[in-house]
Amino acid sequence: MAKKKKATQETNDISAEEAGKQFGISLKDLDTLMQTRGHDGVKELNDIYGGLSGLGQKLKTNIISGNERKTKHFQI
């Protein structure tokens, strides 16, 4: 039987305020965006964040494949 790799656990020791500065979108704004539904949500996403690609850039991730640099940490 193959041995399972131990999961690497990373912790982020930064505040929500610092994360907002680092990513250009606060947790509160992201939560509000996620709760905005329908046409209003699409309009807000496009007008404020530049669509999905703009939001992906703010969050420093690839909207198609995720964050490839970190996927090795989640493999078993």
N, C-alpha and C. Protein backbone atom coordinates (compact mmCIF):
# COMPACT_ATOMS: atom_id res chain seq x y z
N MET A 1 0.84 -1.18 0.00
CA MET A 1 0.00 0.00 0.00
C MET A 1 0.89 1.24 0.00
N ALA A 2 0.54 2.20 -0.85
CA ALA A 2 1.32 3.43 -0.96
C ALA A 2 1.12 4.31 0.27
N LYS A 3 2.20 4.97 0.66
CA LYS A 3 2.12 5.88 1.80
C LYS A 3 1.50 7.20 1.36
N LYS A 4 0.70 7.76 2.22
CA LYS A 4 0.12 9.07 1.95
C LYS A 4 1.12 10.15 2.35
N LYS A 5 1.19 11.18 1.53
CA LYS A 5 2.04 12.32 1.87
C LYS A 5 1.34 13.14 2.95
N LYS A 6 2.13 13.68 3.85
CA LYS A 6 1.57 14.57 4.85
C LYS A 6 1.20 15.89 4.19
N ALA A 7 0.06 16.39 4.56
CA ALA A 7 -0.39 17.68 4.03
C ALA A 7 0.46 18.79 4.66
N THR A 8 0.85 19.71 3.84
CA THR A 8 1.58 20.86 4.34
C THR A 8 0.56 21.90 4.77
N GLN A 9 0.66 22.31 6.00
CA GLN A 9 -0.31 23.28 6.50
C GLN A 9 0.35 24.65 6.55
N GLU A 10 -0.23 25.58 5.83
CA GLU A 10 0.26 26.94 5.84
C GLU A 10 -0.71 27.79 6.62
N THR A 11 -0.18 28.72 7.35
CA THR A 11 -1.05 29.65 8.06
C THR A 11 -0.76 31.05 7.57
N ASN A 12 -1.79 31.84 7.51
CA ASN A 12 -1.66 33.23 7.13
C ASN A 12 -1.87 34.06 8.38
N ASP A 13 -0.82 34.66 8.85
CA ASP A 13 -0.89 35.44 10.07
C ASP A 13 -1.02 36.93 9.76
N ILE A 14 -1.95 37.26 8.87
CA ILE A 14 -2.19 38.67 8.58
C ILE A 14 -3.64 38.99 8.89
N SER A 15 -3.88 40.23 9.24
CA SER A 15 -5.23 40.65 9.59
C SER A 15 -6.08 40.80 8.34
N ALA A 16 -7.38 40.88 8.55
CA ALA A 16 -8.31 41.10 7.44
C ALA A 16 -8.01 42.44 6.77
N GLU A 17 -7.65 43.43 7.57
CA GLU A 17 -7.31 44.75 7.02
C GLU A 17 -6.07 44.67 6.14
N GLU A 18 -5.06 43.95 6.60
CA GLU A 18 -3.83 43.79 5.82
C GLU A 18 -4.10 42.99 4.55
N ALA A 19 -4.95 41.98 4.63
CA ALA A 19 -5.30 41.19 3.45
C ALA A 19 -6.01 42.07 2.43
N GLY A 20 -6.88 42.97 2.89
CA GLY A 20 -7.56 43.89 2.00
C GLY A 20 -6.59 44.78 1.26
N LYS A 21 -5.57 45.24 1.96
CA LYS A 21 -4.53 46.07 1.32
C LYS A 21 -3.72 45.25 0.32
N GLN A 22 -3.39 44.03 0.69
CA GLN A 22 -2.57 43.17 -0.15
C GLN A 22 -3.30 42.77 -1.43
N PHE A 23 -4.60 42.51 -1.33
CA PHE A 23 -5.34 42.01 -2.48
C PHE A 23 -6.19 43.06 -3.18
N GLY A 24 -6.35 44.23 -2.58
CA GLY A 24 -7.12 45.28 -3.22
C GLY A 24 -8.62 45.10 -3.12
N ILE A 25 -9.06 44.18 -2.28
CA ILE A 25 -10.48 43.98 -2.02
C ILE A 25 -10.60 43.47 -0.58
N SER A 26 -11.45 44.11 0.19
CA SER A 26 -11.60 43.71 1.59
C SER A 26 -12.47 42.46 1.69
N LEU A 27 -12.38 41.78 2.81
CA LEU A 27 -13.22 40.61 3.04
C LEU A 27 -14.69 41.01 3.04
N LYS A 28 -14.99 42.18 3.60
CA LYS A 28 -16.37 42.67 3.62
C LYS A 28 -16.87 42.90 2.19
N ASP A 29 -16.05 43.54 1.35
CA ASP A 29 -16.45 43.78 -0.04
C ASP A 29 -16.62 42.48 -0.81
N LEU A 30 -15.74 41.52 -0.57
CA LEU A 30 -15.85 40.23 -1.23
C LEU A 30 -17.11 39.50 -0.79
N ASP A 31 -17.43 39.57 0.50
CA ASP A 31 -18.64 38.96 1.02
C ASP A 31 -19.88 39.61 0.41
N THR A 32 -19.88 40.94 0.33
CA THR A 32 -21.01 41.66 -0.28
C THR A 32 -21.18 41.25 -1.74
N LEU A 33 -20.07 41.18 -2.46
CA LEU A 33 -20.12 40.76 -3.86
C LEU A 33 -20.70 39.36 -4.00
N MET A 34 -20.29 38.45 -3.13
CA MET A 34 -20.78 37.07 -3.19
C MET A 34 -22.27 36.97 -2.88
N GLN A 35 -22.79 37.91 -2.10
CA GLN A 35 -24.21 37.88 -1.74
C GLN A 35 -25.09 38.63 -2.74
N THR A 36 -24.48 39.40 -3.63
CA THR A 36 -25.24 40.14 -4.62
C THR A 36 -25.57 39.21 -5.77
N ARG A 37 -26.83 39.02 -6.04
CA ARG A 37 -27.28 38.02 -7.01
C ARG A 37 -27.80 38.66 -8.30
N GLY A 38 -27.93 37.84 -9.32
CA GLY A 38 -28.57 38.22 -10.57
C GLY A 38 -27.84 39.32 -11.32
N HIS A 39 -28.62 40.13 -12.02
CA HIS A 39 -28.08 41.20 -12.86
C HIS A 39 -27.26 42.19 -12.04
N ASP A 40 -27.71 42.49 -10.82
CA ASP A 40 -26.98 43.43 -9.97
C ASP A 40 -25.59 42.91 -9.63
N GLY A 41 -25.48 41.63 -9.37
CA GLY A 41 -24.19 41.04 -9.05
C GLY A 41 -23.24 41.07 -10.24
N VAL A 42 -23.76 40.77 -11.41
CA VAL A 42 -22.94 40.79 -12.63
C VAL A 42 -22.50 42.21 -12.93
N LYS A 43 -23.41 43.17 -12.76
CA LYS A 43 -23.08 44.58 -13.01
C LYS A 43 -22.00 45.05 -12.05
N GLU A 44 -22.15 44.73 -10.77
CA GLU A 44 -21.15 45.12 -9.77
C GLU A 44 -19.80 44.48 -10.07
N LEU A 45 -19.81 43.20 -10.39
CA LEU A 45 -18.57 42.50 -10.72
C LEU A 45 -17.87 43.16 -11.89
N ASN A 46 -18.62 43.48 -12.93
CA ASN A 46 -18.02 44.09 -14.12
C ASN A 46 -17.61 45.53 -13.90
N ASP A 47 -18.49 46.33 -13.30
CA ASP A 47 -18.22 47.76 -13.14
C ASP A 47 -17.11 48.06 -12.14
N ILE A 48 -17.14 47.37 -11.01
CA ILE A 48 -16.20 47.69 -9.93
C ILE A 48 -14.89 46.91 -10.04
N TYR A 49 -14.98 45.64 -10.41
CA TYR A 49 -13.80 44.77 -10.35
C TYR A 49 -13.25 44.38 -11.72
N GLY A 50 -13.89 44.82 -12.79
CA GLY A 50 -13.39 44.48 -14.12
C GLY A 50 -13.70 43.06 -14.53
N GLY A 51 -14.82 42.54 -14.06
CA GLY A 51 -15.23 41.19 -14.42
C GLY A 51 -14.47 40.13 -13.64
N LEU A 52 -14.64 38.88 -14.06
CA LEU A 52 -13.97 37.78 -13.38
C LEU A 52 -12.46 37.88 -13.49
N SER A 53 -11.97 38.29 -14.65
CA SER A 53 -10.51 38.36 -14.80
C SER A 53 -9.93 39.44 -13.89
N GLY A 54 -10.63 40.57 -13.74
CA GLY A 54 -10.17 41.62 -12.84
C GLY A 54 -10.16 41.17 -11.39
N LEU A 55 -11.21 40.45 -11.00
CA LEU A 55 -11.27 39.93 -9.63
C LEU A 55 -10.18 38.89 -9.41
N GLY A 56 -9.95 38.04 -10.40
CA GLY A 56 -8.88 37.05 -10.30
C GLY A 56 -7.52 37.70 -10.13
N GLN A 57 -7.28 38.81 -10.83
CA GLN A 57 -6.02 39.53 -10.69
C GLN A 57 -5.88 40.10 -9.28
N LYS A 58 -6.96 40.67 -8.76
CA LYS A 58 -6.92 41.21 -7.39
C LYS A 58 -6.60 40.12 -6.39
N LEU A 59 -7.21 38.95 -6.58
CA LEU A 59 -7.02 37.84 -5.65
C LEU A 59 -5.74 37.05 -5.94
N LYS A 60 -5.02 37.48 -6.96
CA LYS A 60 -3.74 36.88 -7.35
C LYS A 60 -3.88 35.38 -7.61
N THR A 61 -4.88 35.06 -8.42
CA THR A 61 -5.12 33.67 -8.77
C THR A 61 -5.55 33.57 -10.23
N ASN A 62 -5.42 32.40 -10.78
CA ASN A 62 -5.86 32.13 -12.14
C ASN A 62 -7.30 31.62 -12.05
N ILE A 63 -8.24 32.31 -12.70
CA ILE A 63 -9.64 31.93 -12.57
C ILE A 63 -9.97 30.61 -13.25
N ILE A 64 -9.09 30.12 -14.09
CA ILE A 64 -9.30 28.85 -14.77
C ILE A 64 -8.70 27.69 -13.96
N SER A 65 -7.45 27.82 -13.57
CA SER A 65 -6.77 26.70 -12.93
C SER A 65 -6.50 26.89 -11.45
N GLY A 66 -6.91 28.01 -10.87
CA GLY A 66 -6.64 28.24 -9.46
C GLY A 66 -5.23 28.73 -9.25
N ASN A 67 -4.73 28.52 -8.08
CA ASN A 67 -3.39 28.96 -7.74
C ASN A 67 -2.44 27.77 -7.88
N GLU A 68 -1.86 27.61 -9.06
CA GLU A 68 -1.05 26.44 -9.37
C GLU A 68 0.17 26.29 -8.45
N ARG A 69 0.67 27.38 -7.95
CA ARG A 69 1.84 27.30 -7.08
C ARG A 69 1.56 26.54 -5.80
N LYS A 70 0.33 26.53 -5.36
CA LYS A 70 -0.02 25.92 -4.08
C LYS A 70 -0.63 24.53 -4.21
N THR A 71 -0.94 24.09 -5.42
CA THR A 71 -1.65 22.81 -5.57
C THR A 71 -0.84 21.65 -5.05
N LYS A 72 0.48 21.73 -5.07
CA LYS A 72 1.29 20.63 -4.57
C LYS A 72 1.05 20.38 -3.09
N HIS A 73 0.60 21.40 -2.36
CA HIS A 73 0.35 21.25 -0.94
C HIS A 73 -0.92 20.47 -0.67
N PHE A 74 -1.80 20.37 -1.65
CA PHE A 74 -3.07 19.71 -1.45
C PHE A 74 -3.11 18.31 -2.03
N GLN A 75 -2.05 17.89 -2.68
CA GLN A 75 -2.02 16.56 -3.28
C GLN A 75 -1.80 15.51 -2.21
N ILE A 76 -2.45 14.37 -2.40
CA ILE A 76 -2.29 13.26 -1.46
C ILE A 76 -1.52 12.16 -2.12
